[in-house]
N, C-alpha and C. Protein backbone atom coordinates (compact mmCIF):
# COMPACT_ATOMS: atom_id res chain seq x y z
N MET A 1 126.33 111.87 97.03
CA MET A 1 126.77 110.75 96.61
C MET A 1 128.31 110.29 97.42
N GLU A 2 128.32 109.41 98.21
CA GLU A 2 129.73 109.14 98.73
C GLU A 2 130.52 108.82 98.00
N LYS A 3 131.99 108.79 98.27
CA LYS A 3 133.00 108.66 97.43
C LYS A 3 133.15 106.98 98.05
N THR A 4 133.66 106.08 97.03
CA THR A 4 133.73 104.73 97.28
C THR A 4 135.54 104.43 96.73
N SER A 5 135.88 103.23 97.20
CA SER A 5 137.20 102.86 96.55
C SER A 5 137.04 102.05 95.38
N LYS A 6 137.93 101.50 94.83
CA LYS A 6 137.96 100.72 93.73
C LYS A 6 137.39 99.32 94.39
N THR A 7 138.10 98.76 95.43
CA THR A 7 137.61 97.50 95.93
C THR A 7 136.47 97.56 96.82
N GLU A 8 135.73 98.53 97.32
CA GLU A 8 134.60 98.61 97.77
C GLU A 8 133.41 98.53 96.64
N SER A 9 133.79 99.26 95.28
CA SER A 9 133.00 99.31 94.11
C SER A 9 132.83 97.83 93.76
N LYS A 10 134.12 97.20 93.56
CA LYS A 10 133.82 95.65 93.43
C LYS A 10 133.09 94.73 94.10
N LYS A 11 133.14 95.03 95.50
CA LYS A 11 132.11 94.18 96.45
C LYS A 11 130.72 94.73 96.23
N GLU A 12 130.37 95.73 95.93
CA GLU A 12 129.15 96.27 95.81
C GLU A 12 128.78 95.84 94.38
N ILE A 13 129.43 95.67 93.31
CA ILE A 13 129.13 95.13 92.14
C ILE A 13 128.69 93.75 92.30
N GLN A 14 129.50 93.08 93.11
CA GLN A 14 129.40 91.51 93.05
C GLN A 14 128.22 91.16 94.10
N ARG A 15 128.00 91.81 95.03
CA ARG A 15 126.45 91.86 95.87
C ARG A 15 125.41 92.17 94.81
N PHE A 16 125.64 93.22 94.09
CA PHE A 16 124.21 93.36 93.23
C PHE A 16 124.00 92.38 92.28
N PHE A 17 124.84 91.66 91.58
CA PHE A 17 124.76 90.65 90.89
C PHE A 17 124.38 89.26 91.57
N GLU A 18 124.49 89.09 92.53
CA GLU A 18 123.89 87.98 93.44
C GLU A 18 122.37 87.84 93.69
N GLU A 19 121.69 88.96 93.65
CA GLU A 19 120.39 89.19 93.61
C GLU A 19 119.72 89.99 92.54
N ILE A 20 120.13 90.00 91.19
CA ILE A 20 119.54 90.63 90.28
C ILE A 20 118.28 90.46 89.77
N LYS A 21 117.79 89.40 90.28
CA LYS A 21 116.39 89.22 89.68
C LYS A 21 115.32 90.12 90.06
N ASN A 22 115.60 90.82 91.11
CA ASN A 22 114.59 91.76 91.70
C ASN A 22 114.87 93.17 91.46
N LYS A 23 116.07 93.50 90.50
CA LYS A 23 116.48 94.60 90.10
C LYS A 23 115.62 95.42 89.05
N THR A 24 115.68 96.96 89.29
CA THR A 24 115.10 97.43 87.93
C THR A 24 115.98 97.74 86.92
N PRO A 25 115.42 98.12 85.80
CA PRO A 25 116.75 98.65 84.69
C PRO A 25 117.58 100.09 85.14
N LYS A 26 116.75 100.39 86.12
CA LYS A 26 117.54 102.05 86.51
C LYS A 26 118.79 101.51 87.32
N GLU A 27 118.22 100.60 88.23
CA GLU A 27 119.47 100.15 89.20
C GLU A 27 120.53 99.43 88.49
N VAL A 28 120.49 98.76 87.37
CA VAL A 28 121.22 97.97 86.39
C VAL A 28 122.26 98.99 85.87
N LYS A 29 121.62 100.31 85.17
CA LYS A 29 122.33 101.14 84.73
C LYS A 29 123.19 102.12 85.59
N LYS A 30 123.03 102.03 86.92
CA LYS A 30 123.61 102.69 87.82
C LYS A 30 124.91 101.88 88.36
N ILE A 31 124.83 100.59 88.36
CA ILE A 31 125.88 99.65 88.47
C ILE A 31 126.55 99.68 87.59
N LYS A 32 126.26 99.70 86.10
CA LYS A 32 127.08 99.67 85.15
C LYS A 32 127.95 100.86 84.88
N ARG A 33 127.25 102.00 85.42
CA ARG A 33 128.19 103.50 85.45
C ARG A 33 129.40 103.17 86.48
N LEU A 34 128.81 102.71 87.48
CA LEU A 34 130.07 102.36 88.73
C LEU A 34 131.06 101.63 88.23
N ALA A 35 130.96 100.47 87.65
CA ALA A 35 131.71 99.81 86.96
C ALA A 35 132.80 100.38 85.80
N MET A 36 131.93 101.23 85.01
CA MET A 36 132.69 102.08 84.11
C MET A 36 133.60 103.00 84.91
N LYS A 37 133.15 103.94 85.88
CA LYS A 37 134.06 104.72 86.44
C LYS A 37 135.38 104.46 87.10
N TYR A 38 135.32 103.07 87.63
CA TYR A 38 136.59 102.50 88.04
C TYR A 38 137.29 101.42 86.91
N ASN A 39 136.79 101.40 85.88
CA ASN A 39 137.48 100.81 84.92
C ASN A 39 137.35 99.16 85.17
N LEU A 40 136.14 98.77 85.76
CA LEU A 40 136.11 97.20 86.18
C LEU A 40 135.35 96.42 84.99
N PRO A 41 135.85 95.41 84.77
CA PRO A 41 135.08 94.57 83.70
C PRO A 41 133.99 93.83 84.32
N LEU A 42 132.71 93.78 83.62
CA LEU A 42 131.64 93.02 84.11
C LEU A 42 131.75 91.41 83.71
N LYS A 43 132.47 91.13 82.48
CA LYS A 43 132.82 89.83 81.97
C LYS A 43 131.44 89.19 81.93
N GLU A 44 131.26 88.07 82.39
CA GLU A 44 130.03 87.22 82.39
C GLU A 44 128.81 87.87 83.09
N LYS A 45 129.11 88.72 83.68
CA LYS A 45 128.01 89.36 84.47
C LYS A 45 126.84 90.21 83.35
N ARG A 46 127.59 90.45 82.41
CA ARG A 46 126.98 91.49 81.38
C ARG A 46 125.87 90.55 80.45
N LYS A 47 125.88 89.39 80.90
CA LYS A 47 124.97 88.36 80.21
C LYS A 47 123.61 88.05 81.19
N LEU A 48 123.66 88.87 82.28
CA LEU A 48 122.73 88.70 83.04
C LEU A 48 121.41 89.34 82.82
N PHE A 49 121.70 90.68 82.09
CA PHE A 49 120.77 91.62 81.71
C PHE A 49 120.89 92.26 80.23
N CYS A 50 119.71 92.71 79.65
CA CYS A 50 119.68 93.04 78.34
C CYS A 50 120.63 94.14 78.13
N LYS A 51 121.13 94.35 77.02
CA LYS A 51 122.10 95.04 76.82
C LYS A 51 121.32 96.44 76.03
N TYR A 52 120.14 96.07 75.63
CA TYR A 52 119.37 97.51 75.12
C TYR A 52 118.63 98.27 76.15
N CYS A 53 118.04 97.34 76.87
CA CYS A 53 116.81 98.19 77.74
C CYS A 53 117.51 97.90 79.28
N SER A 54 118.53 97.12 79.36
CA SER A 54 119.14 96.54 80.95
C SER A 54 118.11 96.33 81.76
N THR A 55 117.10 95.16 81.39
CA THR A 55 116.01 94.63 82.13
C THR A 55 116.84 93.24 82.64
N PRO A 56 116.91 92.72 83.82
CA PRO A 56 117.72 91.74 83.99
C PRO A 56 116.72 90.39 83.39
N TYR A 57 117.34 89.33 82.94
CA TYR A 57 116.87 88.42 82.48
C TYR A 57 116.50 87.34 83.61
N VAL A 58 114.83 87.29 83.47
CA VAL A 58 114.50 86.33 84.96
C VAL A 58 114.22 84.86 84.48
N GLY A 59 114.10 84.85 83.15
CA GLY A 59 113.77 83.04 82.87
C GLY A 59 112.51 82.92 82.00
N SER A 60 111.87 84.18 81.67
CA SER A 60 110.62 84.13 80.89
C SER A 60 110.99 84.37 79.08
N GLU A 61 112.44 84.63 79.31
CA GLU A 61 112.98 84.91 77.82
C GLU A 61 112.96 83.59 76.88
N LYS A 62 113.02 83.74 75.63
CA LYS A 62 113.25 82.75 74.77
C LYS A 62 114.65 82.55 74.83
N VAL A 63 115.15 81.41 74.92
CA VAL A 63 116.38 80.91 74.75
C VAL A 63 116.59 79.90 73.83
N ARG A 64 117.70 80.27 72.81
CA ARG A 64 117.61 79.19 71.91
C ARG A 64 119.37 79.03 71.46
N ILE A 65 119.70 77.65 71.35
CA ILE A 65 121.12 77.26 70.91
C ILE A 65 121.15 76.51 69.75
N LYS A 66 121.93 77.31 68.87
CA LYS A 66 122.06 76.60 67.42
C LYS A 66 123.54 77.07 67.13
N ASP A 67 124.17 75.97 66.31
CA ASP A 67 125.39 76.19 65.83
C ASP A 67 126.57 77.06 66.62
N LYS A 68 126.39 76.45 67.85
CA LYS A 68 127.38 77.08 68.92
C LYS A 68 127.27 78.58 69.16
N MET A 69 125.97 79.00 68.93
CA MET A 69 125.44 80.41 69.25
C MET A 69 124.15 80.18 70.42
N LYS A 70 124.38 81.01 71.40
CA LYS A 70 123.16 81.22 72.55
C LYS A 70 122.34 82.49 72.22
N SER A 71 121.24 82.17 71.80
CA SER A 71 120.43 83.69 71.53
C SER A 71 119.30 83.79 72.68
N VAL A 72 119.29 84.84 73.31
CA VAL A 72 118.09 85.06 74.43
C VAL A 72 117.46 86.49 73.80
N GLU A 73 116.22 86.21 73.82
CA GLU A 73 115.21 87.16 73.39
C GLU A 73 114.82 87.86 74.75
N CYS A 74 114.85 89.39 74.65
CA CYS A 74 114.43 89.86 76.12
C CYS A 74 112.71 89.94 75.99
N SER A 75 112.15 89.91 77.28
CA SER A 75 110.67 89.56 77.29
C SER A 75 110.14 91.23 77.37
N ARG A 76 110.98 92.38 77.45
CA ARG A 76 110.69 93.65 77.48
C ARG A 76 110.49 94.31 76.20
N CYS A 77 111.75 94.48 75.69
CA CYS A 77 112.01 95.19 74.26
C CYS A 77 111.89 93.99 73.00
N ARG A 78 112.16 92.88 73.03
CA ARG A 78 111.99 91.69 72.13
C ARG A 78 113.19 91.90 71.44
N LYS A 79 114.22 92.60 71.80
CA LYS A 79 115.62 92.45 71.06
C LYS A 79 116.23 91.03 71.46
N VAL A 80 117.09 90.50 70.34
CA VAL A 80 117.80 89.29 70.47
C VAL A 80 119.37 89.41 70.79
N ALA A 81 119.88 89.11 71.71
CA ALA A 81 121.30 89.15 72.11
C ALA A 81 122.00 87.67 71.78
N LYS A 82 123.03 87.73 71.21
CA LYS A 82 123.84 86.50 70.77
C LYS A 82 124.94 86.37 71.48
N TRP A 83 125.45 85.12 71.94
CA TRP A 83 126.79 84.97 72.36
C TRP A 83 127.28 83.47 71.75
N LYS A 84 128.83 83.62 71.58
CA LYS A 84 129.27 82.29 71.31
C LYS A 84 129.29 81.45 72.21
N ILE A 85 128.99 80.39 72.16
CA ILE A 85 129.18 79.08 73.30
C ILE A 85 130.70 78.52 72.95
N ASN A 86 131.33 78.53 73.93
CA ASN A 86 132.90 77.96 74.13
C ASN A 86 132.60 76.58 74.34
N SER A 87 133.19 75.58 73.51
CA SER A 87 133.21 74.13 73.75
C SER A 87 134.68 73.78 74.16
N PHE A 88 134.84 72.97 74.92
CA PHE A 88 136.34 72.40 75.11
C PHE A 88 136.88 71.28 74.34
């Protein structure tokens, strides 16, 4: 495994999330580990994959919005992730 700097890791994470639709859960876990190694926050990018099984959301999931909450059901593990929707 080659050594990378913090800035190189940031660029690698950015490139990874540009084309997350065709990634495997194993690749998502590797990127999460890389971000944790350099203490890099994923922020909004963490909403692009399931927090339980690390499968990227591709669009076949059930998305519901109710009472300022967005809920997404994973198509693989059927777990539901919920986030608050910020309104200005």
